[in-house]
Amino acid sequence: MPWQPPIVVHPFTSEGERPISVRGSHIGHARSDHELLEVLRAAGLDEADAALDDPHLVEWRGPGPHVWTPPETDGGA
């Protein structure tokens, strides 16, 4: 199994949040960098403040780092 960063920020849910997992376990959802840091702190990862841009620690799936606005859909028009 290839190495994977311990923190994963997943693509948007239909509610406009991004699920967060640490080492494969879901730990919460976030809508901003601030909320992401709060979720990580609650999980005991205080050092994460300066690490959101470190690809060795955080994998951003779907939209890239610091993207908190879901892409617009055309609604089938």
Protein backbone atom coordinates (compact mmCIF):
# COMPACT_ATOMS: atom_id res chain seq x y z
CA MET A 1 0.00 0.00 0.00
CA PRO A 2 1.46 3.38 -0.98
CA TRP A 3 2.12 6.01 1.67
CA GLN A 4 -0.73 8.49 2.21
CA PRO A 5 -0.79 11.77 4.17
CA PRO A 6 -2.43 11.25 7.56
CA ILE A 7 -4.99 14.08 7.10
CA VAL A 8 -7.41 14.04 4.15
CA VAL A 9 -9.78 16.87 3.22
CA HIS A 10 -12.40 15.25 0.99
CA PRO A 11 -14.52 16.78 -1.80
CA PHE A 12 -17.69 18.70 -0.93
CA THR A 13 -20.81 16.96 0.32
CA SER A 14 -24.22 18.00 -0.98
CA GLU A 15 -24.48 20.22 2.14
CA GLY A 16 -21.42 22.24 1.04
CA GLU A 17 -19.05 20.85 3.68
CA ARG A 18 -15.79 19.00 3.22
CA PRO A 19 -15.42 15.80 5.27
CA ILE A 20 -12.16 15.42 7.18
CA SER A 21 -10.43 12.15 7.99
CA VAL A 22 -7.28 11.30 9.92
CA ARG A 23 -5.57 7.99 9.21
CA GLY A 24 -8.72 6.70 7.54
CA SER A 25 -11.13 7.66 10.33
CA HIS A 26 -13.76 10.35 9.78
CA ILE A 27 -13.35 13.11 12.38
CA GLY A 28 -15.73 15.82 11.16
CA HIS A 29 -16.66 18.33 8.48
CA ALA A 30 -15.39 21.83 7.73
CA ARG A 31 -16.49 24.87 5.72
CA SER A 32 -13.31 26.97 6.20
CA ASP A 33 -9.64 26.77 7.18
CA HIS A 34 -10.67 27.94 10.64
CA GLU A 35 -13.22 25.11 11.02
CA LEU A 36 -10.67 22.61 9.67
CA LEU A 37 -8.14 23.68 12.29
CA GLU A 38 -10.80 23.40 15.02
CA VAL A 39 -11.69 19.85 13.91
CA LEU A 40 -8.00 18.91 13.88
CA ARG A 41 -7.42 20.45 17.32
CA ALA A 42 -10.41 18.54 18.71
CA ALA A 43 -8.77 15.37 17.36
CA GLY A 44 -5.55 16.25 19.22
CA LEU A 45 -3.54 17.63 16.29
CA ASP A 46 -2.47 21.04 17.65
CA GLU A 47 0.59 21.28 15.36
CA ALA A 48 -1.65 21.46 12.30
CA ASP A 49 -1.78 25.29 12.36
CA ALA A 50 1.15 25.72 10.00
CA ALA A 51 0.76 22.43 8.15
CA LEU A 52 -2.30 22.88 5.92
CA ASP A 53 -0.08 23.50 2.89
CA ASP A 54 2.22 20.55 3.59
CA PRO A 55 1.34 17.75 1.13
CA HIS A 56 3.15 15.28 3.41
CA LEU A 57 0.58 15.95 6.12
CA VAL A 58 -2.62 17.02 4.32
CA GLU A 59 -4.10 15.64 1.12
CA TRP A 60 -6.75 17.89 -0.44
CA ARG A 61 -9.04 15.75 -2.61
CA GLY A 62 -11.31 17.39 -5.16
CA PRO A 63 -10.85 21.17 -5.02
CA GLY A 64 -7.38 22.20 -3.94
CA PRO A 65 -6.10 23.67 -0.69
CA HIS A 66 -8.14 26.38 0.98
CA VAL A 67 -11.11 26.03 -1.43
CA TRP A 68 -14.28 26.26 0.66
CA THR A 69 -16.86 27.31 -1.92
CA PRO A 70 -18.45 24.36 -3.72
CA PRO A 71 -18.27 24.54 -7.49
CA GLU A 72 -21.48 25.75 -9.08
CA THR A 73 -23.55 23.21 -10.93
CA ASP A 74 -25.68 24.03 -13.93
CA GLY A 75 -28.69 22.28 -12.43
CA GLY A 76 -29.27 20.29 -15.60
CA ALA A 77 -30.08 23.36 -17.69
